[in-house]
């Protein structure tokens, strides 16, 4: 009995040690970049993460060189609008695919799944031509619209809808509730973990979007933060501390959103694994 307890303690300890080592390896680049953002007059390629004389000069320099609040505002408009469109339209699209029977349902699902294998870069030319035809070039709307509703979101929400007991839907229909009311009051509250997952994925993708804004926007003042940071790479390539500080600034909102949504995100992932 004692031997089994000792073996269990040893196995648990080794497991935690291994997990801690893996976490340190994965977080190592970020920790080094964070420490570099506080360095000045030091060798930035030194792997020592402990800063002897930390300073905020890199951060103040970034704010002096770039209009960071304006770029953050542009990024928030693009990100929040894209997330709202993805959640609302994906939820509306997924509802009939999960809870209604109609002709062509299987064909639509097959087409959606097949479209996921198409590379995103393949649609850039078509998206650019469409945005140009409707005169949305050099506008935030032109950045937001293409790719706002994702096939992954539709499929994920469809699977979440299918996990809700059909008896609840039938009972609501018998009581005279319309489909829009069923969708809003019964289905939407039941898929919040999946919505949180979509919010996290969309926020990371849109917040870090770089190429498409450069293609659509000709006015640098309309750039999102990730695109605007290219000026640091061009003007301060000899001051990597500025680049590190700008990158840390851009990462902070992603960390905040993940911390706010992590509970529902973990529930969604664990539910998918169990399923």
C-alpha atoms as a PDB file:
ATOM      1  CA  UNK A   1       0.000   0.000   0.000  1.00  0.00           C
ATOM      2  CA  UNK A   2       2.796   2.383   0.960  1.00  0.00           C
ATOM      3  CA  UNK A   3       4.735   1.451  -2.191  1.00  0.00           C
ATOM      4  CA  UNK A   4       1.741   2.294  -4.387  1.00  0.00           C
ATOM      5  CA  UNK A   5       1.318   5.688  -2.709  1.00  0.00           C
ATOM      6  CA  UNK A   6       5.007   6.491  -3.167  1.00  0.00           C
ATOM      7  CA  UNK A   7       4.870   5.426  -6.803  1.00  0.00           C
ATOM      8  CA  UNK A   8       1.807   7.637  -7.333  1.00  0.00           C
ATOM      9  CA  UNK A   9       3.523  10.605  -5.689  1.00  0.00           C
ATOM     10  CA  UNK A  10       6.663  10.094  -7.787  1.00  0.00           C
ATOM     11  CA  UNK A  11       4.629   9.811 -11.010  1.00  0.00           C
ATOM     12  CA  UNK A  12       2.625  12.931 -10.163  1.00  0.00           C
ATOM     13  CA  UNK A  13       5.783  14.871  -9.307  1.00  0.00           C
ATOM     14  CA  UNK A  14       7.516  13.834 -12.528  1.00  0.00           C
ATOM     15  CA  UNK A  15       4.411  14.743 -14.524  1.00  0.00           C
ATOM     16  CA  UNK A  16       4.269  18.231 -13.029  1.00  0.00           C
ATOM     17  CA  UNK A  17       7.995  18.740 -13.539  1.00  0.00           C
ATOM     18  CA  UNK A  18       7.621  17.740 -17.198  1.00  0.00           C
ATOM     19  CA  UNK A  19       4.641  20.064 -17.674  1.00  0.00           C
ATOM     20  CA  UNK A  20       6.533  22.949 -16.065  1.00  0.00           C
ATOM     21  CA  UNK A  21       9.529  22.372 -18.339  1.00  0.00           C
ATOM     22  CA  UNK A  22       7.299  22.278 -21.433  1.00  0.00           C
ATOM     23  CA  UNK A  23       5.548  25.474 -20.285  1.00  0.00           C
ATOM     24  CA  UNK A  24       8.894  27.227 -19.807  1.00  0.00           C
ATOM     25  CA  UNK A  25      10.054  26.162 -23.282  1.00  0.00           C
ATOM     26  CA  UNK A  26       6.815  27.349 -24.908  1.00  0.00           C
ATOM     27  CA  UNK A  27       6.732  30.624 -22.977  1.00  0.00           C
ATOM     28  CA  UNK A  28      10.482  31.202 -23.330  1.00  0.00           C
ATOM     29  CA  UNK A  29      10.371  33.408 -26.466  1.00  0.00           C
ATOM     30  CA  UNK A  30       7.636  35.597 -24.987  1.00  0.00           C
ATOM     31  CA  UNK A  31       9.448  35.948 -21.656  1.00  0.00           C
ATOM     32  CA  UNK A  32      12.668  36.894 -23.471  1.00  0.00           C
ATOM     33  CA  UNK A  33      10.802  39.455 -25.577  1.00  0.00           C
ATOM     34  CA  UNK A  34       9.152  40.899 -22.472  1.00  0.00           C
ATOM     35  CA  UNK A  35      12.496  41.280 -20.717  1.00  0.00           C
ATOM     36  CA  UNK A  36      14.039  42.775 -23.869  1.00  0.00           C
ATOM     37  CA  UNK A  37      11.341  45.445 -23.944  1.00  0.00           C
ATOM     38  CA  UNK A  38      12.714  46.748 -20.619  1.00  0.00           C
ATOM     39  CA  UNK A  39      16.363  46.748 -21.680  1.00  0.00           C
ATOM     40  CA  UNK A  40      18.390  49.712 -22.798  1.00  0.00           C
ATOM     41  CA  UNK A  41      22.062  49.920 -23.736  1.00  0.00           C
ATOM     42  CA  UNK A  42      22.389  46.167 -23.352  1.00  0.00           C
ATOM     43  CA  UNK A  43      22.946  43.314 -25.717  1.00  0.00           C
ATOM     44  CA  UNK A  44      19.447  42.388 -26.791  1.00  0.00           C
ATOM     45  CA  UNK A  45      20.609  38.976 -27.965  1.00  0.00           C
ATOM     46  CA  UNK A  46      21.682  38.074 -24.442  1.00  0.00           C
ATOM     47  CA  UNK A  47      19.517  35.170 -23.320  1.00  0.00           C
ATOM     48  CA  UNK A  48      19.539  36.435 -19.739  1.00  0.00           C
ATOM     49  CA  UNK A  49      15.904  37.265 -18.965  1.00  0.00           C
ATOM     50  CA  UNK A  50      16.705  39.156 -15.774  1.00  0.00           C
ATOM     51  CA  UNK A  51      17.118  42.900 -16.415  1.00  0.00           C
ATOM     52  CA  UNK A  52      19.507  44.659 -14.035  1.00  0.00           C
ATOM     53  CA  UNK A  53      18.279  48.212 -14.764  1.00  0.00           C
ATOM     54  CA  UNK A  54      14.762  48.005 -16.234  1.00  0.00           C
ATOM     55  CA  UNK A  55      13.424  51.050 -18.044  1.00  0.00           C
ATOM     56  CA  UNK A  56      10.234  52.132 -19.798  1.00  0.00           C
ATOM     57  CA  UNK A  57      12.083  54.135 -22.450  1.00  0.00           C
ATOM     58  CA  UNK A  58      11.231  51.585 -25.155  1.00  0.00           C
ATOM     59  CA  UNK A  59       7.511  51.934 -24.436  1.00  0.00           C
ATOM     60  CA  UNK A  60       7.593  55.714 -24.308  1.00  0.00           C
ATOM     61  CA  UNK A  61       9.597  55.694 -27.539  1.00  0.00           C
ATOM     62  CA  UNK A  62       6.953  53.597 -29.283  1.00  0.00           C
ATOM     63  CA  UNK A  63       4.189  55.967 -28.172  1.00  0.00           C
ATOM     64  CA  UNK A  64       6.216  58.975 -29.313  1.00  0.00           C
ATOM     65  CA  UNK A  65       6.949  57.504 -32.732  1.00  0.00           C
ATOM     66  CA  UNK A  66       3.540  55.916 -33.421  1.00  0.00           C
ATOM     67  CA  UNK A  67       0.040  57.122 -32.693  1.00  0.00           C
ATOM     68  CA  UNK A  68      -0.638  53.936 -30.740  1.00  0.00           C
ATOM     69  CA  UNK A  69      -4.129  54.897 -29.428  1.00  0.00           C
ATOM     70  CA  UNK A  70      -5.310  55.623 -32.987  1.00  0.00           C
ATOM     71  CA  UNK A  71      -3.962  52.327 -34.323  1.00  0.00           C
ATOM     72  CA  UNK A  72      -5.489  50.450 -31.388  1.00  0.00           C
ATOM     73  CA  UNK A  73      -8.805  52.168 -32.136  1.00  0.00           C
ATOM     74  CA  UNK A  74      -8.636  51.051 -35.778  1.00  0.00           C
ATOM     75  CA  UNK A  75      -7.825  47.520 -34.667  1.00  0.00           C
ATOM     76  CA  UNK A  76     -10.714  47.465 -32.194  1.00  0.00           C
ATOM     77  CA  UNK A  77     -13.180  48.598 -34.862  1.00  0.00           C
ATOM     78  CA  UNK A  78     -11.988  45.880 -37.255  1.00  0.00           C
ATOM     79  CA  UNK A  79     -11.807  43.149 -34.613  1.00  0.00           C
ATOM     80  CA  UNK A  80     -15.064  43.827 -32.754  1.00  0.00           C
ATOM     81  CA  UNK A  81     -17.059  44.266 -35.973  1.00  0.00           C
ATOM     82  CA  UNK A  82     -15.653  41.057 -37.440  1.00  0.00           C
ATOM     83  CA  UNK A  83     -16.370  39.073 -34.277  1.00  0.00           C
ATOM     84  CA  UNK A  84     -19.936  40.398 -34.041  1.00  0.00           C
ATOM     85  CA  UNK A  85     -20.639  39.526 -37.676  1.00  0.00           C
ATOM     86  CA  UNK A  86     -19.097  36.073 -37.340  1.00  0.00           C
ATOM     87  CA  UNK A  87     -21.018  35.184 -34.174  1.00  0.00           C
ATOM     88  CA  UNK A  88     -24.408  36.484 -35.360  1.00  0.00           C
ATOM     89  CA  UNK A  89     -24.369  35.228 -38.955  1.00  0.00           C
ATOM     90  CA  UNK A  90     -22.651  31.922 -38.143  1.00  0.00           C
ATOM     91  CA  UNK A  91     -25.202  31.278 -35.388  1.00  0.00           C
ATOM     92  CA  UNK A  92     -28.079  32.086 -37.752  1.00  0.00           C
ATOM     93  CA  UNK A  93     -26.629  29.901 -40.507  1.00  0.00           C
ATOM     94  CA  UNK A  94     -25.890  26.977 -38.192  1.00  0.00           C
ATOM     95  CA  UNK A  95     -29.385  26.894 -36.652  1.00  0.00           C
ATOM     96  CA  UNK A  96     -31.328  25.526 -39.670  1.00  0.00           C
ATOM     97  CA  UNK A  97     -28.470  23.173 -40.502  1.00  0.00           C
ATOM     98  CA  UNK A  98     -28.774  21.633 -37.038  1.00  0.00           C
ATOM     99  CA  UNK A  99     -32.467  21.915 -36.166  1.00  0.00           C
ATOM    100  CA  UNK A 100     -34.435  21.927 -39.439  1.00  0.00           C
ATOM    101  CA  UNK A 101     -35.000  19.490 -42.259  1.00  0.00           C
ATOM    102  CA  UNK A 102     -34.972  20.777 -45.837  1.00  0.00           C
ATOM    103  CA  UNK A 103     -33.828  19.695 -49.285  1.00  0.00           C
ATOM    104  CA  UNK A 104     -30.166  20.209 -50.043  1.00  0.00           C
ATOM    105  CA  UNK A 105     -29.104  20.204 -46.393  1.00  0.00           C
ATOM    106  CA  UNK A 106     -26.442  17.527 -46.880  1.00  0.00           C
ATOM    107  CA  UNK A 107     -25.173  19.206 -50.034  1.00  0.00           C
ATOM    108  CA  UNK A 108     -24.773  22.534 -48.196  1.00  0.00           C
ATOM    109  CA  UNK A 109     -22.883  20.862 -45.365  1.00  0.00           C
ATOM    110  CA  UNK A 110     -20.627  19.079 -47.836  1.00  0.00           C
ATOM    111  CA  UNK A 111     -19.946  22.322 -49.694  1.00  0.00           C
ATOM    112  CA  UNK A 112     -19.105  24.127 -46.449  1.00  0.00           C
ATOM    113  CA  UNK A 113     -16.722  21.408 -45.308  1.00  0.00           C
ATOM    114  CA  UNK A 114     -15.105  21.208 -48.739  1.00  0.00           C
ATOM    115  CA  UNK A 115     -14.506  24.958 -48.784  1.00  0.00           C
ATOM    116  CA  UNK A 116     -12.305  24.659 -45.715  1.00  0.00           C
ATOM    117  CA  UNK A 117      -9.525  23.084 -47.785  1.00  0.00           C
ATOM    118  CA  UNK A 118      -9.256  26.193 -49.984  1.00  0.00           C
ATOM    119  CA  UNK A 119      -6.273  28.332 -48.872  1.00  0.00           C
ATOM    120  CA  UNK A 120      -7.175  31.791 -47.631  1.00  0.00           C
ATOM    121  CA  UNK A 121      -4.636  33.363 -49.996  1.00  0.00           C
ATOM    122  CA  UNK A 122      -6.528  31.918 -52.970  1.00  0.00           C
ATOM    123  CA  UNK A 123      -9.469  34.223 -52.302  1.00  0.00           C
ATOM    124  CA  UNK A 124      -7.494  37.429 -51.870  1.00  0.00           C
ATOM    125  CA  UNK A 125      -7.583  38.389 -55.560  1.00  0.00           C
ATOM    126  CA  UNK A 126     -11.338  37.770 -55.794  1.00  0.00           C
ATOM    127  CA  UNK A 127     -11.954  39.654 -52.555  1.00  0.00           C
ATOM    128  CA  UNK A 128      -9.845  42.554 -53.760  1.00  0.00           C
ATOM    129  CA  UNK A 129     -11.725  42.773 -57.074  1.00  0.00           C
ATOM    130  CA  UNK A 130     -15.093  42.711 -55.295  1.00  0.00           C
ATOM    131  CA  UNK A 131     -14.031  45.333 -52.745  1.00  0.00           C
ATOM    132  CA  UNK A 132     -12.726  47.476 -55.587  1.00  0.00           C
ATOM    133  CA  UNK A 133     -15.971  47.156 -57.591  1.00  0.00           C
ATOM    134  CA  UNK A 134     -18.124  48.259 -54.642  1.00  0.00           C
ATOM    135  CA  UNK A 135     -15.738  51.174 -53.912  1.00  0.00           C
ATOM    136  CA  UNK A 136     -14.649  50.016 -50.464  1.00  0.00           C
ATOM    137  CA  UNK A 137     -10.901  50.296 -51.009  1.00  0.00           C
ATOM    138  CA  UNK A 138      -9.023  52.337 -48.408  1.00  0.00           C
ATOM    139  CA  UNK A 139     -11.842  51.848 -45.881  1.00  0.00           C
ATOM    140  CA  UNK A 140     -12.139  49.812 -42.713  1.00  0.00           C
ATOM    141  CA  UNK A 141     -15.325  48.236 -44.093  1.00  0.00           C
ATOM    142  CA  UNK A 142     -13.278  46.776 -46.929  1.00  0.00           C
ATOM    143  CA  UNK A 143     -10.979  45.190 -44.354  1.00  0.00           C
ATOM    144  CA  UNK A 144     -13.837  43.870 -42.229  1.00  0.00           C
ATOM    145  CA  UNK A 145     -16.231  42.290 -44.726  1.00  0.00           C
ATOM    146  CA  UNK A 146     -14.103  39.615 -46.498  1.00  0.00           C
ATOM    147  CA  UNK A 147     -13.759  36.568 -44.296  1.00  0.00           C
ATOM    148  CA  UNK A 148     -15.882  37.898 -41.448  1.00  0.00           C
ATOM    149  CA  UNK A 149     -18.147  34.810 -41.381  1.00  0.00           C
ATOM    150  CA  UNK A 150     -16.018  31.681 -41.136  1.00  0.00           C
ATOM    151  CA  UNK A 151     -16.979  28.138 -42.110  1.00  0.00           C
ATOM    152  CA  UNK A 152     -15.289  26.819 -38.964  1.00  0.00           C
ATOM    153  CA  UNK A 153     -17.636  28.932 -36.840  1.00  0.00           C
ATOM    154  CA  UNK A 154     -20.717  27.629 -38.647  1.00  0.00           C
ATOM    155  CA  UNK A 155     -19.684  23.997 -38.225  1.00  0.00           C
ATOM    156  CA  UNK A 156     -18.693  24.468 -34.567  1.00  0.00           C
ATOM    157  CA  UNK A 157     -22.004  26.141 -33.688  1.00  0.00           C
ATOM    158  CA  UNK A 158     -23.953  23.515 -35.617  1.00  0.00           C
ATOM    159  CA  UNK A 159     -22.374  20.795 -33.520  1.00  0.00           C
ATOM    160  CA  UNK A 160     -23.167  22.781 -30.373  1.00  0.00           C
ATOM    161  CA  UNK A 161     -26.804  23.173 -31.415  1.00  0.00           C
ATOM    162  CA  UNK A 162     -27.067  19.430 -31.945  1.00  0.00           C
ATOM    163  CA  UNK A 163     -26.021  18.897 -28.335  1.00  0.00           C
ATOM    164  CA  UNK A 164     -29.129  20.722 -27.067  1.00  0.00           C
ATOM    165  CA  UNK A 165     -32.065  18.349 -26.405  1.00  0.00           C
ATOM    166  CA  UNK A 166     -34.576  18.461 -29.253  1.00  0.00           C
ATOM    167  CA  UNK A 167     -37.402  18.112 -26.710  1.00  0.00           C
ATOM    168  CA  UNK A 168     -36.779  21.715 -25.632  1.00  0.00           C
ATOM    169  CA  UNK A 169     -37.191  22.940 -29.209  1.00  0.00           C
ATOM    170  CA  UNK A 170     -40.342  20.882 -29.775  1.00  0.00           C
ATOM    171  CA  UNK A 171     -41.845  22.097 -26.497  1.00  0.00           C
ATOM    172  CA  UNK A 172     -41.188  25.705 -27.474  1.00  0.00           C
ATOM    173  CA  UNK A 173     -42.797  25.173 -30.894  1.00  0.00           C
ATOM    174  CA  UNK A 174     -45.856  23.590 -29.274  1.00  0.00           C
ATOM    175  CA  UNK A 175     -46.131  26.650 -27.009  1.00  0.00           C
ATOM    176  CA  UNK A 176     -46.264  28.825 -30.119  1.00  0.00           C
ATOM    177  CA  UNK A 177     -42.749  30.250 -30.056  1.00  0.00           C
ATOM    178  CA  UNK A 178     -41.386  31.389 -33.413  1.00  0.00           C
ATOM    179  CA  UNK A 179     -38.058  30.146 -34.722  1.00  0.00           C
ATOM    180  CA  UNK A 180     -36.330  33.467 -34.039  1.00  0.00           C
ATOM    181  CA  UNK A 181     -37.423  33.363 -30.392  1.00  0.00           C
ATOM    182  CA  UNK A 182     -36.332  29.734 -30.040  1.00  0.00           C
ATOM    183  CA  UNK A 183     -32.967  30.636 -31.530  1.00  0.00           C
ATOM    184  CA  UNK A 184     -32.424  33.636 -29.269  1.00  0.00           C
ATOM    185  CA  UNK A 185     -33.867  32.470 -25.939  1.00  0.00           C
ATOM    186  CA  UNK A 186     -33.201  28.722 -25.996  1.00  0.00           C
ATOM    187  CA  UNK A 187     -30.373  27.942 -28.396  1.00  0.00           C
ATOM    188  CA  UNK A 188     -28.015  30.877 -27.946  1.00  0.00           C
ATOM    189  CA  UNK A 189     -27.653  30.541 -24.136  1.00  0.00           C
ATOM    190  CA  UNK A 190     -26.833  26.855 -24.588  1.00  0.00           C
ATOM    191  CA  UNK A 191     -23.897  27.431 -26.945  1.00  0.00           C
ATOM    192  CA  UNK A 192     -22.048  30.161 -25.036  1.00  0.00           C
ATOM    193  CA  UNK A 193     -18.910  27.999 -24.550  1.00  0.00           C
ATOM    194  CA  UNK A 194     -18.618  27.573 -28.309  1.00  0.00           C
ATOM    195  CA  UNK A 195     -19.239  31.279 -28.866  1.00  0.00           C
ATOM    196  CA  UNK A 196     -16.415  32.051 -26.432  1.00  0.00           C
ATOM    197  CA  UNK A 197     -14.149  29.770 -28.467  1.00  0.00           C
ATOM    198  CA  UNK A 198     -15.061  31.638 -31.645  1.00  0.00           C
ATOM    199  CA  UNK A 199     -14.447  34.985 -29.937  1.00  0.00           C
ATOM    200  CA  UNK A 200     -10.955  33.913 -28.882  1.00  0.00           C
ATOM    201  CA  UNK A 201      -9.992  32.521 -32.299  1.00  0.00           C
ATOM    202  CA  UNK A 202     -11.455  35.496 -34.176  1.00  0.00           C
ATOM    203  CA  UNK A 203      -9.853  38.010 -31.831  1.00  0.00           C
ATOM    204  CA  UNK A 204      -6.414  36.470 -32.242  1.00  0.00           C
ATOM    205  CA  UNK A 205      -6.785  36.231 -36.015  1.00  0.00           C
ATOM    206  CA  UNK A 206      -8.165  39.727 -36.586  1.00  0.00           C
ATOM    207  CA  UNK A 207      -5.985  41.479 -34.017  1.00  0.00           C
ATOM    208  CA  UNK A 208      -2.851  40.063 -35.616  1.00  0.00           C
ATOM    209  CA  UNK A 209      -4.025  40.471 -39.218  1.00  0.00           C
ATOM    210  CA  UNK A 210      -1.246  41.977 -41.304  1.00  0.00           C
ATOM    211  CA  UNK A 211      -1.402  41.314 -45.054  1.00  0.00           C
ATOM    212  CA  UNK A 212      -5.024  42.075 -45.980  1.00  0.00           C
ATOM    213  CA  UNK A 213      -5.089  45.589 -44.407  1.00  0.00           C
ATOM    214  CA  UNK A 214      -1.935  46.493 -46.360  1.00  0.00           C
ATOM    215  CA  UNK A 215      -3.634  45.383 -49.589  1.00  0.00           C
ATOM    216  CA  UNK A 216      -6.883  47.274 -48.982  1.00  0.00           C
ATOM    217  CA  UNK A 217      -5.720  50.406 -47.138  1.00  0.00           C
ATOM    218  CA  UNK A 218      -3.652  53.041 -48.901  1.00  0.00           C
ATOM    219  CA  UNK A 219      -3.766  55.504 -46.005  1.00  0.00           C
ATOM    220  CA  UNK A 220      -1.317  54.411 -43.251  1.00  0.00           C
ATOM    221  CA  UNK A 221      -3.401  56.290 -40.665  1.00  0.00           C
ATOM    222  CA  UNK A 222      -6.125  53.663 -41.094  1.00  0.00           C
ATOM    223  CA  UNK A 223      -3.784  50.719 -40.431  1.00  0.00           C
ATOM    224  CA  UNK A 224      -4.478  48.327 -37.555  1.00  0.00           C
ATOM    225  CA  UNK A 225      -1.794  47.939 -34.892  1.00  0.00           C
ATOM    226  CA  UNK A 226      -0.132  44.798 -36.312  1.00  0.00           C
ATOM    227  CA  UNK A 227       0.317  46.502 -39.672  1.00  0.00           C
ATOM    228  CA  UNK A 228       1.490  49.776 -38.128  1.00  0.00           C
ATOM    229  CA  UNK A 229       4.225  47.950 -36.225  1.00  0.00           C
ATOM    230  CA  UNK A 230       6.033  47.441 -39.521  1.00  0.00           C
ATOM    231  CA  UNK A 231       7.248  51.044 -39.153  1.00  0.00           C
ATOM    232  CA  UNK A 232       9.146  50.018 -36.030  1.00  0.00           C
ATOM    233  CA  UNK A 233      10.852  47.240 -37.952  1.00  0.00           C
ATOM    234  CA  UNK A 234      11.861  49.673 -40.694  1.00  0.00           C
ATOM    235  CA  UNK A 235      12.844  52.688 -38.620  1.00  0.00           C
ATOM    236  CA  UNK A 236      14.210  51.039 -35.517  1.00  0.00           C
ATOM    237  CA  UNK A 237      15.769  47.834 -36.782  1.00  0.00           C
ATOM    238  CA  UNK A 238      18.830  48.755 -34.707  1.00  0.00           C
ATOM    239  CA  UNK A 239      16.658  49.166 -31.588  1.00  0.00           C
ATOM    240  CA  UNK A 240      15.029  45.838 -31.109  1.00  0.00           C
ATOM    241  CA  UNK A 241      13.776  47.031 -27.715  1.00  0.00           C
ATOM    242  CA  UNK A 242      11.270  49.270 -29.514  1.00  0.00           C
ATOM    243  CA  UNK A 243      10.045  46.360 -31.618  1.00  0.00           C
ATOM    244  CA  UNK A 244       9.762  44.151 -28.526  1.00  0.00           C
ATOM    245  CA  UNK A 245       7.827  46.860 -26.660  1.00  0.00           C
ATOM    246  CA  UNK A 246       5.428  47.338 -29.589  1.00  0.00           C
ATOM    247  CA  UNK A 247       4.865  43.593 -29.828  1.00  0.00           C
ATOM    248  CA  UNK A 248       4.138  43.317 -26.101  1.00  0.00           C
ATOM    249  CA  UNK A 249       1.616  46.148 -26.390  1.00  0.00           C
ATOM    250  CA  UNK A 250      -0.149  44.310 -29.217  1.00  0.00           C
ATOM    251  CA  UNK A 251      -0.241  41.027 -27.261  1.00  0.00           C
ATOM    252  CA  UNK A 252      -1.756  42.411 -24.040  1.00  0.00           C
ATOM    253  CA  UNK A 253      -5.367  42.658 -25.381  1.00  0.00           C
ATOM    254  CA  UNK A 254      -5.201  39.052 -26.620  1.00  0.00           C
ATOM    255  CA  UNK A 255      -4.174  37.864 -23.155  1.00  0.00           C
ATOM    256  CA  UNK A 256      -7.006  39.856 -21.553  1.00  0.00           C
ATOM    257  CA  UNK A 257      -9.632  38.408 -23.925  1.00  0.00           C
ATOM    258  CA  UNK A 258      -8.364  34.867 -23.356  1.00  0.00           C
ATOM    259  CA  UNK A 259      -8.482  35.298 -19.565  1.00  0.00           C
ATOM    260  CA  UNK A 260     -12.055  36.599 -19.778  1.00  0.00           C
ATOM    261  CA  UNK A 261     -13.231  33.747 -22.029  1.00  0.00           C
ATOM    262  CA  UNK A 262     -11.039  30.893 -20.831  1.00  0.00           C
ATOM    263  CA  UNK A 263     -13.702  29.256 -18.629  1.00  0.00           C
ATOM    264  CA  UNK A 264     -16.197  28.827 -21.472  1.00  0.00           C
ATOM    265  CA  UNK A 265     -13.355  28.012 -23.866  1.00  0.00           C
ATOM    266  CA  UNK A 266     -12.184  25.121 -21.660  1.00  0.00           C
ATOM    267  CA  UNK A 267     -15.782  23.877 -21.345  1.00  0.00           C
ATOM    268  CA  UNK A 268     -16.166  23.891 -25.134  1.00  0.00           C
ATOM    269  CA  UNK A 269     -12.881  22.063 -25.700  1.00  0.00           C
ATOM    270  CA  UNK A 270     -13.563  19.484 -22.990  1.00  0.00           C
ATOM    271  CA  UNK A 271     -17.051  18.936 -24.416  1.00  0.00           C
ATOM    272  CA  UNK A 272     -15.620  18.389 -27.874  1.00  0.00           C
ATOM    273  CA  UNK A 273     -13.097  15.888 -26.523  1.00  0.00           C
ATOM    274  CA  UNK A 274     -15.811  13.980 -24.644  1.00  0.00           C
ATOM    275  CA  UNK A 275     -18.008  14.035 -27.743  1.00  0.00           C
END
